[in-house]
């Protein structure tokens, strides 16, 4: 008995070569952008960025000033802060937590 011959598989079709995609050309130079190599589509940082920086600095400074001005209240409300204020030299004499204060006579 003869063995059946295996069926030959058809050869796969060759894959098509990818099409050449043109590279985007840079934007043309504008006379106003003489100092820049290419024109950009994004506007330069303007007044909004400056206002954001000023407001951020103001918030940080307000927090620092508030922490110094209200340090007595902060130290009474949160006794661990006494060490931080003492390290910065912002305590008035030896400060004691509210639970250890003596009543005035």
PDB file of N, CA and C in Angstrom:
ATOM      1  N   UNK A   1       0.834  -1.172   0.000  1.00  0.00           N
ATOM      2  CA  UNK A   1       0.000   0.000   0.000  1.00  0.00           C
ATOM      3  C   UNK A   1       0.880   1.236   0.000  1.00  0.00           C
ATOM      4  N   UNK A   2       0.446   2.128  -0.760  1.00  0.00           N
ATOM      5  CA  UNK A   2       1.228   3.363  -0.882  1.00  0.00           C
ATOM      6  C   UNK A   2       0.636   4.426   0.036  1.00  0.00           C
ATOM      7  N   UNK A   3       1.530   5.164   0.649  1.00  0.00           N
ATOM      8  CA  UNK A   3       1.081   6.235   1.554  1.00  0.00           C
ATOM      9  C   UNK A   3       0.593   7.418   0.736  1.00  0.00           C
ATOM     10  N   UNK A   4      -0.486   8.054   1.228  1.00  0.00           N
ATOM     11  CA  UNK A   4      -0.979   9.215   0.461  1.00  0.00           C
ATOM     12  C   UNK A   4       0.038  10.349   0.523  1.00  0.00           C
ATOM     13  N   UNK A   5       0.114  11.068  -0.554  1.00  0.00           N
ATOM     14  CA  UNK A   5       1.050  12.199  -0.599  1.00  0.00           C
ATOM     15  C   UNK A   5       0.432  13.402   0.105  1.00  0.00           C
ATOM     16  N   UNK A   6       1.268  14.109   0.941  1.00  0.00           N
ATOM     17  CA  UNK A   6       0.717  15.291   1.615  1.00  0.00           C
ATOM     18  C   UNK A   6       0.428  16.395   0.607  1.00  0.00           C
ATOM     19  N   UNK A   7      -0.639  17.096   0.932  1.00  0.00           N
ATOM     20  CA  UNK A   7      -1.009  18.202   0.046  1.00  0.00           C
ATOM     21  C   UNK A   7      -0.025  19.347   0.260  1.00  0.00           C
ATOM     22  N   UNK A   8       0.398  19.943  -0.810  1.00  0.00           N
ATOM     23  CA  UNK A   8       1.331  21.066  -0.685  1.00  0.00           C
ATOM     24  C   UNK A   8       0.532  22.343  -0.417  1.00  0.00           C
ATOM     25  N   UNK A   9       1.065  23.100   0.549  1.00  0.00           N
ATOM     26  CA  UNK A   9       0.378  24.351   0.910  1.00  0.00           C
ATOM     27  C   UNK A   9       0.771  25.432  -0.079  1.00  0.00           C
ATOM     28  N   UNK A  10      -0.182  26.290  -0.436  1.00  0.00           N
ATOM     29  CA  UNK A  10       0.166  27.371  -1.363  1.00  0.00           C
ATOM     30  C   UNK A  10       1.091  28.366  -0.663  1.00  0.00           C
ATOM     31  N   UNK A  11       2.001  28.938  -1.408  1.00  0.00           N
ATOM     32  CA  UNK A  11       2.922  29.907  -0.840  1.00  0.00           C
ATOM     33  C   UNK A  11       2.163  31.196  -0.549  1.00  0.00           C
ATOM     34  N   UNK A  12       2.464  31.812   0.638  1.00  0.00           N
ATOM     35  CA  UNK A  12       1.750  33.059   0.951  1.00  0.00           C
ATOM     36  C   UNK A  12       2.179  34.156  -0.008  1.00  0.00           C
ATOM     37  N   UNK A  13       1.241  35.042  -0.244  1.00  0.00           N
ATOM     38  CA  UNK A  13       1.515  36.176  -1.143  1.00  0.00           C
ATOM     39  C   UNK A  13       2.505  37.114  -0.463  1.00  0.00           C
ATOM     40  N   UNK A  14       3.412  37.691  -1.191  1.00  0.00           N
ATOM     41  CA  UNK A  14       4.377  38.622  -0.574  1.00  0.00           C
ATOM     42  C   UNK A  14       3.650  39.848  -0.022  1.00  0.00           C
ATOM     43  N   UNK A  15       4.142  40.334   1.139  1.00  0.00           N
ATOM     44  CA  UNK A  15       3.514  41.510   1.758  1.00  0.00           C
ATOM     45  C   UNK A  15       3.838  42.749   0.943  1.00  0.00           C
ATOM     46  N   UNK A  16       2.850  43.635   0.797  1.00  0.00           N
ATOM     47  CA  UNK A  16       3.127  44.852   0.032  1.00  0.00           C
ATOM     48  C   UNK A  16       4.089  45.745   0.811  1.00  0.00           C
ATOM     49  N   UNK A  17       4.925  46.445   0.086  1.00  0.00           N
ATOM     50  CA  UNK A  17       5.863  47.356   0.738  1.00  0.00           C
ATOM     51  C   UNK A  17       5.100  48.574   1.257  1.00  0.00           C
ATOM     52  N   UNK A  18       5.509  49.087   2.438  1.00  0.00           N
ATOM     53  CA  UNK A  18       4.804  50.256   2.969  1.00  0.00           C
ATOM     54  C   UNK A  18       5.024  51.462   2.064  1.00  0.00           C
ATOM     55  N   UNK A  19       3.971  52.269   2.018  1.00  0.00           N
ATOM     56  CA  UNK A  19       4.058  53.475   1.197  1.00  0.00           C
ATOM     57  C   UNK A  19       4.967  54.485   1.884  1.00  0.00           C
ATOM     58  N   UNK A  20       5.664  55.244   1.112  1.00  0.00           N
ATOM     59  CA  UNK A  20       6.542  56.282   1.654  1.00  0.00           C
ATOM     60  C   UNK A  20       5.675  57.415   2.189  1.00  0.00           C
ATOM     61  N   UNK A  21       5.890  57.761   3.461  1.00  0.00           N
ATOM     62  CA  UNK A  21       5.131  58.843   4.086  1.00  0.00           C
ATOM     63  C   UNK A  21       6.006  60.082   4.071  1.00  0.00           C
ATOM     64  N   UNK A  22       5.512  61.177   3.499  1.00  0.00           N
ATOM     65  CA  UNK A  22       6.341  62.382   3.455  1.00  0.00           C
ATOM     66  C   UNK A  22       6.576  62.929   4.864  1.00  0.00           C
ATOM     67  N   UNK A  23       7.783  63.410   5.092  1.00  0.00           N
ATOM     68  CA  UNK A  23       8.138  64.002   6.379  1.00  0.00           C
ATOM     69  C   UNK A  23       7.586  65.422   6.410  1.00  0.00           C
ATOM     70  N   UNK A  24       6.991  65.770   7.550  1.00  0.00           N
ATOM     71  CA  UNK A  24       6.441  67.119   7.667  1.00  0.00           C
ATOM     72  C   UNK A  24       7.560  68.141   7.580  1.00  0.00           C
ATOM     73  N   UNK A  25       7.327  69.117   6.800  1.00  0.00           N
ATOM     74  CA  UNK A  25       8.289  70.201   6.659  1.00  0.00           C
ATOM     75  C   UNK A  25       8.119  71.156   7.832  1.00  0.00           C
ATOM     76  N   UNK A  26       9.191  71.742   8.340  1.00  0.00           N
ATOM     77  CA  UNK A  26       9.053  72.712   9.426  1.00  0.00           C
ATOM     78  C   UNK A  26       8.312  73.952   8.937  1.00  0.00           C
ATOM     79  N   UNK A  27       7.673  74.615   9.897  1.00  0.00           N
ATOM     80  CA  UNK A  27       6.950  75.834   9.564  1.00  0.00           C
ATOM     81  C   UNK A  27       7.934  76.870   9.030  1.00  0.00           C
ATOM     82  N   UNK A  28       7.502  77.662   8.107  1.00  0.00           N
ATOM     83  CA  UNK A  28       8.416  78.658   7.550  1.00  0.00           C
ATOM     84  C   UNK A  28       8.755  79.725   8.583  1.00  0.00           C
ATOM     85  N   UNK A  29       9.899  80.315   8.405  1.00  0.00           N
ATOM     86  CA  UNK A  29      10.306  81.392   9.298  1.00  0.00           C
ATOM     87  C   UNK A  29       9.430  82.612   9.068  1.00  0.00           C
ATOM     88  N   UNK A  30       9.097  83.258  10.142  1.00  0.00           N
ATOM     89  CA  UNK A  30       8.347  84.506  10.063  1.00  0.00           C
ATOM     90  C   UNK A  30       9.294  85.645  10.374  1.00  0.00           C
ATOM     91  N   UNK A  31       9.014  86.794   9.838  1.00  0.00           N
ATOM     92  CA  UNK A  31       9.887  87.940  10.094  1.00  0.00           C
ATOM     93  C   UNK A  31       9.917  88.286  11.576  1.00  0.00           C
ATOM     94  N   UNK A  32       8.809  88.104  12.276  1.00  0.00           N
ATOM     95  CA  UNK A  32       8.744  88.423  13.707  1.00  0.00           C
ATOM     96  C   UNK A  32       9.579  87.443  14.519  1.00  0.00           C
ATOM     97  N   UNK A  33       9.824  86.254  13.981  1.00  0.00           N
ATOM     98  CA  UNK A  33      10.583  85.225  14.691  1.00  0.00           C
ATOM     99  C   UNK A  33      12.013  85.133  14.168  1.00  0.00           C
ATOM    100  N   UNK A  34      12.602  86.216  13.831  1.00  0.00           N
ATOM    101  CA  UNK A  34      13.941  86.197  13.250  1.00  0.00           C
ATOM    102  C   UNK A  34      14.959  85.545  14.183  1.00  0.00           C
ATOM    103  N   UNK A  35      14.755  85.650  15.517  1.00  0.00           N
ATOM    104  CA  UNK A  35      15.683  85.056  16.468  1.00  0.00           C
ATOM    105  C   UNK A  35      15.457  83.577  16.672  1.00  0.00           C
ATOM    106  N   UNK A  36      14.348  83.041  16.202  1.00  0.00           N
ATOM    107  CA  UNK A  36      14.012  81.625  16.369  1.00  0.00           C
ATOM    108  C   UNK A  36      14.195  80.907  15.041  1.00  0.00           C
ATOM    109  N   UNK A  37      14.526  79.635  15.108  1.00  0.00           N
ATOM    110  CA  UNK A  37      14.737  78.878  13.875  1.00  0.00           C
ATOM    111  C   UNK A  37      13.413  78.570  13.186  1.00  0.00           C
ATOM    112  N   UNK A  38      12.420  78.155  13.945  1.00  0.00           N
ATOM    113  CA  UNK A  38      11.131  77.808  13.358  1.00  0.00           C
ATOM    114  C   UNK A  38      10.017  78.520  14.104  1.00  0.00           C
ATOM    115  N   UNK A  39       8.965  78.813  13.399  1.00  0.00           N
ATOM    116  CA  UNK A  39       7.791  79.409  14.029  1.00  0.00           C
ATOM    117  C   UNK A  39       7.085  78.325  14.829  1.00  0.00           C
ATOM    118  N   UNK A  40       6.529  78.668  15.971  1.00  0.00           N
ATOM    119  CA  UNK A  40       5.826  77.691  16.792  1.00  0.00           C
ATOM    120  C   UNK A  40       4.343  78.000  16.808  1.00  0.00           C
ATOM    121  N   UNK A  41       3.563  76.973  17.059  1.00  0.00           N
ATOM    122  CA  UNK A  41       2.119  77.173  17.118  1.00  0.00           C
ATOM    123  C   UNK A  41       1.671  77.533  18.525  1.00  0.00           C
ATOM    124  N   UNK A  42       2.569  77.377  19.541  1.00  0.00           N
ATOM    125  CA  UNK A  42       2.209  77.709  20.911  1.00  0.00           C
ATOM    126  C   UNK A  42       2.600  79.154  21.208  1.00  0.00           C
ATOM    127  N   UNK A  43       1.711  79.883  21.875  1.00  0.00           N
ATOM    128  CA  UNK A  43       2.065  81.263  22.210  1.00  0.00           C
ATOM    129  C   UNK A  43       3.153  81.296  23.282  1.00  0.00           C
ATOM    130  N   UNK A  44       3.909  82.344  23.275  1.00  0.00           N
ATOM    131  CA  UNK A  44       4.949  82.508  24.293  1.00  0.00           C
ATOM    132  C   UNK A  44       4.288  82.704  25.652  1.00  0.00           C
ATOM    133  N   UNK A  45       5.007  82.338  26.725  1.00  0.00           N
ATOM    134  CA  UNK A  45       4.468  82.516  28.079  1.00  0.00           C
ATOM    135  C   UNK A  45       4.189  83.993  28.284  1.00  0.00           C
ATOM    136  N   UNK A  46       2.996  84.283  28.676  1.00  0.00           N
ATOM    137  CA  UNK A  46       2.599  85.677  28.794  1.00  0.00           C
ATOM    138  C   UNK A  46       2.298  86.062  30.225  1.00  0.00           C
ATOM    139  N   UNK A  47       1.383  86.964  30.354  1.00  0.00           N
ATOM    140  CA  UNK A  47       1.068  87.529  31.657  1.00  0.00           C
ATOM    141  C   UNK A  47       0.427  86.501  32.575  1.00  0.00           C
ATOM    142  N   UNK A  48      -0.245  85.489  32.023  1.00  0.00           N
ATOM    143  CA  UNK A  48      -0.892  84.492  32.889  1.00  0.00           C
ATOM    144  C   UNK A  48       0.131  83.686  33.681  1.00  0.00           C
ATOM    145  N   UNK A  49       1.260  83.370  33.053  1.00  0.00           N
ATOM    146  CA  UNK A  49       2.304  82.645  33.765  1.00  0.00           C
ATOM    147  C   UNK A  49       2.910  83.513  34.865  1.00  0.00           C
ATOM    148  N   UNK A  50       3.101  84.785  34.578  1.00  0.00           N
ATOM    149  CA  UNK A  50       3.636  85.692  35.602  1.00  0.00           C
ATOM    150  C   UNK A  50       2.669  85.833  36.772  1.00  0.00           C
ATOM    151  N   UNK A  51       1.397  85.940  36.478  1.00  0.00           N
ATOM    152  CA  UNK A  51       0.391  86.058  37.539  1.00  0.00           C
ATOM    153  C   UNK A  51       0.364  84.779  38.381  1.00  0.00           C
ATOM    154  N   UNK A  52       0.486  83.629  37.734  1.00  0.00           N
ATOM    155  CA  UNK A  52       0.488  82.361  38.476  1.00  0.00           C
ATOM    156  C   UNK A  52       1.689  82.299  39.414  1.00  0.00           C
ATOM    157  N   UNK A  53       2.870  82.711  38.955  1.00  0.00           N
ATOM    158  CA  UNK A  53       4.051  82.717  39.817  1.00  0.00           C
ATOM    159  C   UNK A  53       3.883  83.691  40.975  1.00  0.00           C
ATOM    160  N   UNK A  54       3.377  84.863  40.696  1.00  0.00           N
ATOM    161  CA  UNK A  54       3.190  85.862  41.756  1.00  0.00           C
ATOM    162  C   UNK A  54       2.206  85.355  42.799  1.00  0.00           C
ATOM    163  N   UNK A  55       1.105  84.757  42.353  1.00  0.00           N
ATOM    164  CA  UNK A  55       0.118  84.224  43.300  1.00  0.00           C
ATOM    165  C   UNK A  55       0.693  83.069  44.111  1.00  0.00           C
ATOM    166  N   UNK A  56       1.476  82.223  43.492  1.00  0.00           N
ATOM    167  CA  UNK A  56       2.090  81.102  44.223  1.00  0.00           C
ATOM    168  C   UNK A  56       3.033  81.608  45.305  1.00  0.00           C
ATOM    169  N   UNK A  57       3.840  82.575  44.964  1.00  0.00           N
ATOM    170  CA  UNK A  57       4.767  83.149  45.941  1.00  0.00           C
ATOM    171  C   UNK A  57       4.001  83.847  47.059  1.00  0.00           C
ATOM    172  N   UNK A  58       2.923  84.542  46.708  1.00  0.00           N
ATOM    173  CA  UNK A  58       2.116  85.230  47.719  1.00  0.00           C
ATOM    174  C   UNK A  58       1.478  84.238  48.691  1.00  0.00           C
ATOM    175  N   UNK A  59       1.012  83.099  48.191  1.00  0.00           N
ATOM    176  CA  UNK A  59       0.396  82.090  49.062  1.00  0.00           C
ATOM    177  C   UNK A  59       1.434  81.516  50.024  1.00  0.00           C
ATOM    178  N   UNK A  60       2.630  81.229  49.515  1.00  0.00           N
ATOM    179  CA  UNK A  60       3.681  80.686  50.380  1.00  0.00           C
ATOM    180  C   UNK A  60       4.073  81.716  51.439  1.00  0.00           C
ATOM    181  N   UNK A  61       4.264  82.961  51.020  1.00  0.00           N
ATOM    182  CA  UNK A  61       4.635  84.002  51.987  1.00  0.00           C
ATOM    183  C   UNK A  61       3.532  84.227  53.016  1.00  0.00           C
ATOM    184  N   UNK A  62       2.278  84.198  52.592  1.00  0.00           N
ATOM    185  CA  UNK A  62       1.168  84.369  53.533  1.00  0.00           C
ATOM    186  C   UNK A  62       1.151  83.235  54.556  1.00  0.00           C
ATOM    187  N   UNK A  63       1.437  82.027  54.117  1.00  0.00           N
ATOM    188  CA  UNK A  63       1.494  80.898  55.051  1.00  0.00           C
ATOM    189  C   UNK A  63       2.623  81.055  56.052  1.00  0.00           C
ATOM    190  N   UNK A  64       3.783  81.505  55.582  1.00  0.00           N
ATOM    191  CA  UNK A  64       4.910  81.707  56.490  1.00  0.00           C
ATOM    192  C   UNK A  64       4.631  82.830  57.491  1.00  0.00           C
ATOM    193  N   UNK A  65       4.107  83.938  57.011  1.00  0.00           N
ATOM    194  CA  UNK A  65       3.795  85.060  57.904  1.00  0.00           C
ATOM    195  C   UNK A  65       2.718  84.650  58.901  1.00  0.00           C
ATOM    196  N   UNK A  66       1.693  83.941  58.425  1.00  0.00           N
ATOM    197  CA  UNK A  66       0.638  83.479  59.330  1.00  0.00           C
ATOM    198  C   UNK A  66       1.172  82.532  60.386  1.00  0.00           C
ATOM    199  N   UNK A  67       2.117  81.677  60.011  1.00  0.00           N
ATOM    200  CA  UNK A  67       2.717  80.762  60.972  1.00  0.00           C
ATOM    201  C   UNK A  67       3.545  81.477  62.022  1.00  0.00           C
ATOM    202  N   UNK A  68       4.154  82.602  61.655  1.00  0.00           N
ATOM    203  CA  UNK A  68       4.949  83.370  62.619  1.00  0.00           C
ATOM    204  C   UNK A  68       4.038  84.218  63.502  1.00  0.00           C
ATOM    205  N   UNK A  69       3.065  84.881  62.907  1.00  0.00           N
ATOM    206  CA  UNK A  69       2.175  85.756  63.670  1.00  0.00           C
ATOM    207  C   UNK A  69       1.324  84.949  64.656  1.00  0.00           C
ATOM    208  N   UNK A  70       0.823  83.817  64.239  1.00  0.00           N
ATOM    209  CA  UNK A  70      -0.067  83.011  65.090  1.00  0.00           C
ATOM    210  C   UNK A  70       0.687  81.867  65.758  1.00  0.00           C
ATOM    211  N   UNK A  71       1.996  82.012  65.973  1.00  0.00           N
ATOM    212  CA  UNK A  71       2.782  80.898  66.511  1.00  0.00           C
ATOM    213  C   UNK A  71       2.347  80.478  67.905  1.00  0.00           C
ATOM    214  N   UNK A  72       1.903  81.414  68.738  1.00  0.00           N
ATOM    215  CA  UNK A  72       1.450  81.044  70.091  1.00  0.00           C
ATOM    216  C   UNK A  72       0.248  80.116  70.016  1.00  0.00           C
ATOM    217  N   UNK A  73      -0.702  80.469  69.196  1.00  0.00           N
ATOM    218  CA  UNK A  73      -1.889  79.624  69.024  1.00  0.00           C
ATOM    219  C   UNK A  73      -1.549  78.281  68.420  1.00  0.00           C
ATOM    220  N   UNK A  74      -0.616  78.285  67.464  1.00  0.00           N
ATOM    221  CA  UNK A  74      -0.210  77.024  66.833  1.00  0.00           C
ATOM    222  C   UNK A  74       0.486  76.140  67.857  1.00  0.00           C
ATOM    223  N   UNK A  75       1.362  76.721  68.672  1.00  0.00           N
ATOM    224  CA  UNK A  75       2.087  75.927  69.670  1.00  0.00           C
ATOM    225  C   UNK A  75       1.153  75.366  70.729  1.00  0.00           C
ATOM    226  N   UNK A  76       0.113  76.110  71.082  1.00  0.00           N
ATOM    227  CA  UNK A  76      -0.842  75.591  72.065  1.00  0.00           C
ATOM    228  C   UNK A  76      -1.714  74.500  71.460  1.00  0.00           C
ATOM    229  N   UNK A  77      -2.119  74.684  70.221  1.00  0.00           N
ATOM    230  CA  UNK A  77      -2.991  73.705  69.577  1.00  0.00           C
ATOM    231  C   UNK A  77      -2.238  72.451  69.162  1.00  0.00           C
ATOM    232  N   UNK A  78      -0.960  72.590  68.846  1.00  0.00           N
ATOM    233  CA  UNK A  78      -0.173  71.463  68.358  1.00  0.00           C
ATOM    234  C   UNK A  78       1.201  71.487  69.020  1.00  0.00           C
ATOM    235  N   UNK A  79       1.300  70.926  70.207  1.00  0.00           N
ATOM    236  CA  UNK A  79       2.541  70.983  70.987  1.00  0.00           C
ATOM    237  C   UNK A  79       3.801  70.493  70.273  1.00  0.00           C
ATOM    238  N   UNK A  80       3.760  69.517  69.365  1.00  0.00           N
ATOM    239  CA  UNK A  80       5.002  69.139  68.679  1.00  0.00           C
ATOM    240  C   UNK A  80       5.624  70.286  67.870  1.00  0.00           C
ATOM    241  N   UNK A  81       4.836  71.303  67.545  1.00  0.00           N
ATOM    242  CA  UNK A  81       5.374  72.427  66.775  1.00  0.00           C
ATOM    243  C   UNK A  81       6.329  73.281  67.599  1.00  0.00           C
ATOM    244  N   UNK A  82       6.312  73.119  68.911  1.00  0.00           N
ATOM    245  CA  UNK A  82       7.189  73.909  69.777  1.00  0.00           C
ATOM    246  C   UNK A  82       8.645  73.660  69.400  1.00  0.00           C
ATOM    247  N   UNK A  83       8.981  72.422  69.131  1.00  0.00           N
ATOM    248  CA  UNK A  83      10.368  72.111  68.757  1.00  0.00           C
ATOM    249  C   UNK A  83      10.759  72.798  67.454  1.00  0.00           C
ATOM    250  N   UNK A  84       9.858  72.831  66.496  1.00  0.00           N
ATOM    251  CA  UNK A  84      10.159  73.473  65.209  1.00  0.00           C
ATOM    252  C   UNK A  84      10.353  74.974  65.390  1.00  0.00           C
ATOM    253  N   UNK A  85       9.458  75.598  66.158  1.00  0.00           N
ATOM    254  CA  UNK A  85       9.596  77.041  66.402  1.00  0.00           C
ATOM    255  C   UNK A  85      10.863  77.335  67.202  1.00  0.00           C
ATOM    256  N   UNK A  86      11.196  76.474  68.154  1.00  0.00           N
ATOM    257  CA  UNK A  86      12.407  76.675  68.953  1.00  0.00           C
ATOM    258  C   UNK A  86      13.654  76.545  68.074  1.00  0.00           C
ATOM    259  N   UNK A  87      13.640  75.601  67.151  1.00  0.00           N
ATOM    260  CA  UNK A  87      14.777  75.418  66.247  1.00  0.00           C
ATOM    261  C   UNK A  87      14.970  76.643  65.356  1.00  0.00           C
ATOM    262  N   UNK A  88      13.878  77.333  65.042  1.00  0.00           N
ATOM    263  CA  UNK A  88      13.962  78.540  64.223  1.00  0.00           C
ATOM    264  C   UNK A  88      14.171  79.795  65.071  1.00  0.00           C
ATOM    265  N   UNK A  89      14.195  79.632  66.408  1.00  0.00           N
ATOM    266  CA  UNK A  89      14.369  80.784  67.296  1.00  0.00           C
ATOM    267  C   UNK A  89      13.139  81.667  67.371  1.00  0.00           C
ATOM    268  N   UNK A  90      11.963  81.090  67.222  1.00  0.00           N
ATOM    269  CA  UNK A  90      10.723  81.867  67.199  1.00  0.00           C
ATOM    270  C   UNK A  90       9.860  81.666  68.439  1.00  0.00           C
ATOM    271  N   UNK A  91      10.456  81.175  69.527  1.00  0.00           N
ATOM    272  CA  UNK A  91       9.675  81.022  70.756  1.00  0.00           C
ATOM    273  C   UNK A  91       9.981  82.180  71.688  1.00  0.00           C
ATOM    274  N   UNK A  92       9.056  82.464  72.561  1.00  0.00           N
ATOM    275  CA  UNK A  92       9.237  83.528  73.559  1.00  0.00           C
ATOM    276  C   UNK A  92       9.514  82.850  74.895  1.00  0.00           C
ATOM    277  N   UNK A  93      10.766  82.619  75.186  1.00  0.00           N
ATOM    278  CA  UNK A  93      11.095  81.941  76.436  1.00  0.00           C
ATOM    279  C   UNK A  93      10.727  80.481  76.341  1.00  0.00           C
ATOM    280  N   UNK A  94      10.847  79.765  77.446  1.00  0.00           N
ATOM    281  CA  UNK A  94      10.489  78.343  77.408  1.00  0.00           C
ATOM    282  C   UNK A  94       8.978  78.189  77.312  1.00  0.00           C
ATOM    283  N   UNK A  95       8.518  77.749  76.200  1.00  0.00           N
ATOM    284  CA  UNK A  95       7.079  77.576  75.994  1.00  0.00           C
ATOM    285  C   UNK A  95       6.655  76.219  76.538  1.00  0.00           C
ATOM    286  N   UNK A  96       5.517  76.194  77.149  1.00  0.00           N
ATOM    287  CA  UNK A  96       4.972  74.945  77.693  1.00  0.00           C
ATOM    288  C   UNK A  96       3.670  74.643  76.984  1.00  0.00           C
ATOM    289  N   UNK A  97       3.370  73.386  76.785  1.00  0.00           N
ATOM    290  CA  UNK A  97       2.081  73.035  76.187  1.00  0.00           C
ATOM    291  C   UNK A  97       0.930  73.537  77.052  1.00  0.00           C
ATOM    292  N   UNK A  98      -0.231  73.688  76.458  1.00  0.00           N
ATOM    293  CA  UNK A  98      -1.399  74.223  77.161  1.00  0.00           C
ATOM    294  C   UNK A  98      -1.747  73.396  78.401  1.00  0.00           C
ATOM    295  N   UNK A  99      -1.507  72.103  78.370  1.00  0.00           N
ATOM    296  CA  UNK A  99      -1.865  71.246  79.501  1.00  0.00           C
ATOM    297  C   UNK A  99      -0.928  71.473  80.704  1.00  0.00           C
ATOM    298  N   UNK A 100       0.237  72.093  80.494  1.00  0.00           N
ATOM    299  CA  UNK A 100       1.185  72.288  81.573  1.00  0.00           C
ATOM    300  C   UNK A 100       1.244  73.736  82.053  1.00  0.00           C
ATOM    301  N   UNK A 101       0.438  74.619  81.477  1.00  0.00           N
ATOM    302  CA  UNK A 101       0.477  76.027  81.886  1.00  0.00           C
ATOM    303  C   UNK A 101      -0.135  76.181  83.283  1.00  0.00           C
ATOM    304  N   UNK A 102       0.393  77.130  84.035  1.00  0.00           N
ATOM    305  CA  UNK A 102      -0.150  77.434  85.365  1.00  0.00           C
ATOM    306  C   UNK A 102      -1.120  78.599  85.246  1.00  0.00           C
ATOM    307  N   UNK A 103      -2.208  78.556  85.959  1.00  0.00           N
ATOM    308  CA  UNK A 103      -3.156  79.686  85.904  1.00  0.00           C
ATOM    309  C   UNK A 103      -2.554  80.895  86.604  1.00  0.00           C
ATOM    310  N   UNK A 104      -2.864  82.079  86.090  1.00  0.00           N
ATOM    311  CA  UNK A 104      -2.357  83.317  86.703  1.00  0.00           C
ATOM    312  C   UNK A 104      -3.135  83.608  87.979  1.00  0.00           C
ATOM    313  N   UNK A 105      -2.423  84.133  89.042  1.00  0.00           N
ATOM    314  CA  UNK A 105      -3.071  84.451  90.324  1.00  0.00           C
ATOM    315  C   UNK A 105      -3.444  85.896  90.384  1.00  0.00           C
TER     316      UNK A 105
END
